[in-house]
Amino acid sequence: MNHPFIQLLARWLVLALGVTIATKLITGIHCDDMNTLIVVVLLLSLFNAVLKPILVLFTLPFILLSLGLGMLVINAFLFMLVGRIVEGFHVAGFWPALGGALIVSVTNMIVSRLIGTKPPRPPGGRPSQPAKRDDVIDI
């Protein structure tokens, strides 16, 4: 699973699974059909790649003061934004969006650990090759 396209598809499938579970468990979230789910997954992926870093940058003090819980608020905001943009995907308000974002985050964490998206480390936790020191600027 080292090919970037396969990794992207795996992330989309995990995101689709999380959104589907959120629609089943949270009463304020509803998705009409599979085509709508595909659009929701693509938009959430796009927003996570483009808008989320900008929002994190501007809200960094809040994120630090809340010990990272501000990230969940940003994810809920993006979930609500997709709910307002996509016809057929309904998010009733902030609290259902927060619950949906939490479910998507937990699903992503569990599935990522199960399928092992990170390359395994050798025993002892040390990398097999020493790190290069090319990033040091000599004065």
C-alpha atoms as a PDB file:
ATOM      1  CA  MET A   1       0.000   0.000   0.000  1.00  0.00           C
ATOM      2  CA  ASN A   2       2.866   2.331  -0.791  1.00  0.00           C
ATOM      3  CA  HIS A   3       1.444   3.748  -4.007  1.00  0.00           C
ATOM      4  CA  PRO A   4       0.057   7.274  -3.407  1.00  0.00           C
ATOM      5  CA  PHE A   5      -3.130   6.644  -5.383  1.00  0.00           C
ATOM      6  CA  ILE A   6      -3.940   3.517  -3.375  1.00  0.00           C
ATOM      7  CA  GLN A   7      -3.288   5.443  -0.151  1.00  0.00           C
ATOM      8  CA  LEU A   8      -5.657   8.189  -1.335  1.00  0.00           C
ATOM      9  CA  LEU A   9      -8.363   5.636  -2.149  1.00  0.00           C
ATOM     10  CA  ALA A  10      -7.884   4.008   1.250  1.00  0.00           C
ATOM     11  CA  ARG A  11      -8.273   7.390   2.978  1.00  0.00           C
ATOM     12  CA  TRP A  12     -11.433   8.107   0.982  1.00  0.00           C
ATOM     13  CA  LEU A  13     -12.875   4.712   1.895  1.00  0.00           C
ATOM     14  CA  VAL A  14     -12.118   5.274   5.579  1.00  0.00           C
ATOM     15  CA  LEU A  15     -13.690   8.734   5.397  1.00  0.00           C
ATOM     16  CA  ALA A  16     -16.750   7.295   3.641  1.00  0.00           C
ATOM     17  CA  LEU A  17     -17.023   4.648   6.365  1.00  0.00           C
ATOM     18  CA  GLY A  18     -16.818   7.326   9.069  1.00  0.00           C
ATOM     19  CA  VAL A  19     -19.461   9.512   7.424  1.00  0.00           C
ATOM     20  CA  THR A  20     -21.736   6.475   6.942  1.00  0.00           C
ATOM     21  CA  ILE A  21     -21.375   5.491  10.603  1.00  0.00           C
ATOM     22  CA  ALA A  22     -22.061   9.099  11.622  1.00  0.00           C
ATOM     23  CA  THR A  23     -25.278   9.155   9.575  1.00  0.00           C
ATOM     24  CA  LYS A  24     -26.414   5.944  11.283  1.00  0.00           C
ATOM     25  CA  LEU A  25     -25.551   6.984  14.858  1.00  0.00           C
ATOM     26  CA  ILE A  26     -26.214  10.741  14.968  1.00  0.00           C
ATOM     27  CA  THR A  27     -29.855  11.751  14.598  1.00  0.00           C
ATOM     28  CA  GLY A  28     -29.116  15.186  13.102  1.00  0.00           C
ATOM     29  CA  ILE A  29     -27.041  13.876  10.172  1.00  0.00           C
ATOM     30  CA  HIS A  30     -28.623  12.367   7.077  1.00  0.00           C
ATOM     31  CA  CYS A  31     -27.259  11.392   3.653  1.00  0.00           C
ATOM     32  CA  ASP A  32     -29.738  10.669   0.851  1.00  0.00           C
ATOM     33  CA  ASP A  33     -27.821   8.278  -1.408  1.00  0.00           C
ATOM     34  CA  MET A  34     -24.424   6.886  -2.428  1.00  0.00           C
ATOM     35  CA  ASN A  35     -23.733   9.625  -4.987  1.00  0.00           C
ATOM     36  CA  THR A  36     -24.217  12.239  -2.281  1.00  0.00           C
ATOM     37  CA  LEU A  37     -21.844  10.301  -0.014  1.00  0.00           C
ATOM     38  CA  ILE A  38     -19.173  10.355  -2.726  1.00  0.00           C
ATOM     39  CA  VAL A  39     -19.531  14.133  -3.132  1.00  0.00           C
ATOM     40  CA  VAL A  40     -19.399  14.592   0.667  1.00  0.00           C
ATOM     41  CA  VAL A  41     -16.203  12.524   0.913  1.00  0.00           C
ATOM     42  CA  LEU A  42     -14.543  14.441  -1.928  1.00  0.00           C
ATOM     43  CA  LEU A  43     -15.491  17.825  -0.451  1.00  0.00           C
ATOM     44  CA  LEU A  44     -14.416  16.856   3.060  1.00  0.00           C
ATOM     45  CA  SER A  45     -11.088  15.683   1.655  1.00  0.00           C
ATOM     46  CA  LEU A  46     -10.657  18.926  -0.280  1.00  0.00           C
ATOM     47  CA  PHE A  47     -11.586  21.074   2.720  1.00  0.00           C
ATOM     48  CA  ASN A  48      -9.250  19.079   4.978  1.00  0.00           C
ATOM     49  CA  ALA A  49      -6.420  19.666   2.522  1.00  0.00           C
ATOM     50  CA  VAL A  50      -7.077  23.346   1.771  1.00  0.00           C
ATOM     51  CA  LEU A  51      -9.194  25.046   4.449  1.00  0.00           C
ATOM     52  CA  LYS A  52      -8.143  23.129   7.545  1.00  0.00           C
ATOM     53  CA  PRO A  53      -4.481  24.263   7.547  1.00  0.00           C
ATOM     54  CA  ILE A  54      -5.595  27.881   7.177  1.00  0.00           C
ATOM     55  CA  LEU A  55      -8.115  27.544  10.014  1.00  0.00           C
ATOM     56  CA  VAL A  56      -5.524  25.838  12.211  1.00  0.00           C
ATOM     57  CA  LEU A  57      -3.082  28.656  11.568  1.00  0.00           C
ATOM     58  CA  PHE A  58      -5.572  31.353  12.563  1.00  0.00           C
ATOM     59  CA  THR A  59      -6.915  29.491  15.603  1.00  0.00           C
ATOM     60  CA  LEU A  60      -3.620  28.110  16.905  1.00  0.00           C
ATOM     61  CA  PRO A  61      -3.789  29.949  20.266  1.00  0.00           C
ATOM     62  CA  PHE A  62      -7.301  28.565  20.867  1.00  0.00           C
ATOM     63  CA  ILE A  63      -6.163  25.065  19.901  1.00  0.00           C
ATOM     64  CA  LEU A  64      -3.220  25.268  22.285  1.00  0.00           C
ATOM     65  CA  LEU A  65      -5.314  26.650  25.151  1.00  0.00           C
ATOM     66  CA  SER A  66      -7.972  23.967  24.668  1.00  0.00           C
ATOM     67  CA  LEU A  67      -5.294  21.248  24.558  1.00  0.00           C
ATOM     68  CA  GLY A  68      -6.233  20.225  21.040  1.00  0.00           C
ATOM     69  CA  LEU A  69     -10.009  20.192  21.434  1.00  0.00           C
ATOM     70  CA  GLY A  70     -10.171  23.154  19.077  1.00  0.00           C
ATOM     71  CA  MET A  71      -9.285  20.760  16.262  1.00  0.00           C
ATOM     72  CA  LEU A  72     -12.564  18.958  16.887  1.00  0.00           C
ATOM     73  CA  VAL A  73     -14.398  22.294  16.596  1.00  0.00           C
ATOM     74  CA  ILE A  74     -12.651  22.954  13.269  1.00  0.00           C
ATOM     75  CA  ASN A  75     -13.627  19.483  12.037  1.00  0.00           C
ATOM     76  CA  ALA A  76     -17.231  20.126  13.123  1.00  0.00           C
ATOM     77  CA  PHE A  77     -17.212  23.451  11.266  1.00  0.00           C
ATOM     78  CA  LEU A  78     -16.003  21.724   8.081  1.00  0.00           C
ATOM     79  CA  PHE A  79     -18.652  19.016   8.545  1.00  0.00           C
ATOM     80  CA  MET A  80     -21.356  21.708   8.849  1.00  0.00           C
ATOM     81  CA  LEU A  81     -19.974  23.553   5.823  1.00  0.00           C
ATOM     82  CA  VAL A  82     -20.226  20.422   3.687  1.00  0.00           C
ATOM     83  CA  GLY A  83     -23.759  19.902   5.025  1.00  0.00           C
ATOM     84  CA  ARG A  84     -24.728  23.359   3.785  1.00  0.00           C
ATOM     85  CA  ILE A  85     -23.074  23.003   0.388  1.00  0.00           C
ATOM     86  CA  VAL A  86     -24.061  19.477  -0.669  1.00  0.00           C
ATOM     87  CA  GLU A  87     -27.674  18.953  -1.630  1.00  0.00           C
ATOM     88  CA  GLY A  88     -28.871  15.717  -0.016  1.00  0.00           C
ATOM     89  CA  PHE A  89     -26.453  15.791   2.942  1.00  0.00           C
ATOM     90  CA  HIS A  90     -28.144  17.297   5.977  1.00  0.00           C
ATOM     91  CA  VAL A  91     -26.453  18.390   9.205  1.00  0.00           C
ATOM     92  CA  ALA A  92     -28.964  19.785  11.725  1.00  0.00           C
ATOM     93  CA  GLY A  93     -26.569  22.035  13.636  1.00  0.00           C
ATOM     94  CA  PHE A  94     -23.344  22.355  15.558  1.00  0.00           C
ATOM     95  CA  TRP A  95     -23.842  19.495  18.023  1.00  0.00           C
ATOM     96  CA  PRO A  96     -24.671  16.869  15.383  1.00  0.00           C
ATOM     97  CA  ALA A  97     -21.695  18.164  13.360  1.00  0.00           C
ATOM     98  CA  LEU A  98     -19.474  17.830  16.437  1.00  0.00           C
ATOM     99  CA  GLY A  99     -20.710  14.269  16.974  1.00  0.00           C
ATOM    100  CA  GLY A 100     -20.169  13.449  13.311  1.00  0.00           C
ATOM    101  CA  ALA A 101     -16.664  14.914  13.349  1.00  0.00           C
ATOM    102  CA  LEU A 102     -15.864  12.909  16.466  1.00  0.00           C
ATOM    103  CA  ILE A 103     -17.118   9.684  14.883  1.00  0.00           C
ATOM    104  CA  VAL A 104     -15.178  10.328  11.669  1.00  0.00           C
ATOM    105  CA  SER A 105     -12.014  11.064  13.679  1.00  0.00           C
ATOM    106  CA  VAL A 106     -12.350   7.932  15.822  1.00  0.00           C
ATOM    107  CA  THR A 107     -13.130   5.783  12.772  1.00  0.00           C
ATOM    108  CA  ASN A 108     -10.091   7.182  10.986  1.00  0.00           C
ATOM    109  CA  MET A 109      -7.883   6.490  14.003  1.00  0.00           C
ATOM    110  CA  ILE A 110      -9.131   2.908  14.492  1.00  0.00           C
ATOM    111  CA  VAL A 111      -8.974   1.893  10.834  1.00  0.00           C
ATOM    112  CA  SER A 112      -5.565   3.533  10.367  1.00  0.00           C
ATOM    113  CA  ARG A 113      -4.203   1.484  13.239  1.00  0.00           C
ATOM    114  CA  LEU A 114      -5.825  -1.696  11.959  1.00  0.00           C
ATOM    115  CA  ILE A 115      -4.494  -1.415   8.422  1.00  0.00           C
ATOM    116  CA  GLY A 116      -1.192   0.110   9.517  1.00  0.00           C
ATOM    117  CA  THR A 117      -0.783   3.154   7.292  1.00  0.00           C
ATOM    118  CA  LYS A 118       2.624   3.998   8.760  1.00  0.00           C
ATOM    119  CA  PRO A 119       5.621   1.896   7.731  1.00  0.00           C
ATOM    120  CA  PRO A 120       6.697  -0.495  10.481  1.00  0.00           C
ATOM    121  CA  ARG A 121       9.762   0.410  12.507  1.00  0.00           C
ATOM    122  CA  PRO A 122      12.489  -2.109  13.257  1.00  0.00           C
ATOM    123  CA  PRO A 123      12.751  -3.561  16.799  1.00  0.00           C
ATOM    124  CA  GLY A 124      14.043  -1.073  19.323  1.00  0.00           C
ATOM    125  CA  GLY A 125      12.209   1.826  17.678  1.00  0.00           C
ATOM    126  CA  ARG A 126      15.291   3.143  15.888  1.00  0.00           C
ATOM    127  CA  PRO A 127      15.417   3.767  12.157  1.00  0.00           C
ATOM    128  CA  SER A 128      17.655   1.390  10.224  1.00  0.00           C
ATOM    129  CA  GLN A 129      19.699   4.222   8.665  1.00  0.00           C
ATOM    130  CA  PRO A 130      21.192   7.150  10.546  1.00  0.00           C
ATOM    131  CA  ALA A 131      19.517  10.470   9.919  1.00  0.00           C
ATOM    132  CA  LYS A 132      21.276  12.862   7.565  1.00  0.00           C
ATOM    133  CA  ARG A 133      22.288  16.251   8.902  1.00  0.00           C
ATOM    134  CA  ASP A 134      21.667  18.145   5.640  1.00  0.00           C
ATOM    135  CA  ASP A 135      19.153  20.446   7.270  1.00  0.00           C
ATOM    136  CA  VAL A 136      21.719  22.133   9.526  1.00  0.00           C
ATOM    137  CA  ILE A 137      22.954  25.527   8.364  1.00  0.00           C
ATOM    138  CA  ASP A 138      26.625  26.133   9.091  1.00  0.00           C
ATOM    139  CA  ILE A 139      27.607  29.702   9.854  1.00  0.00           C
END
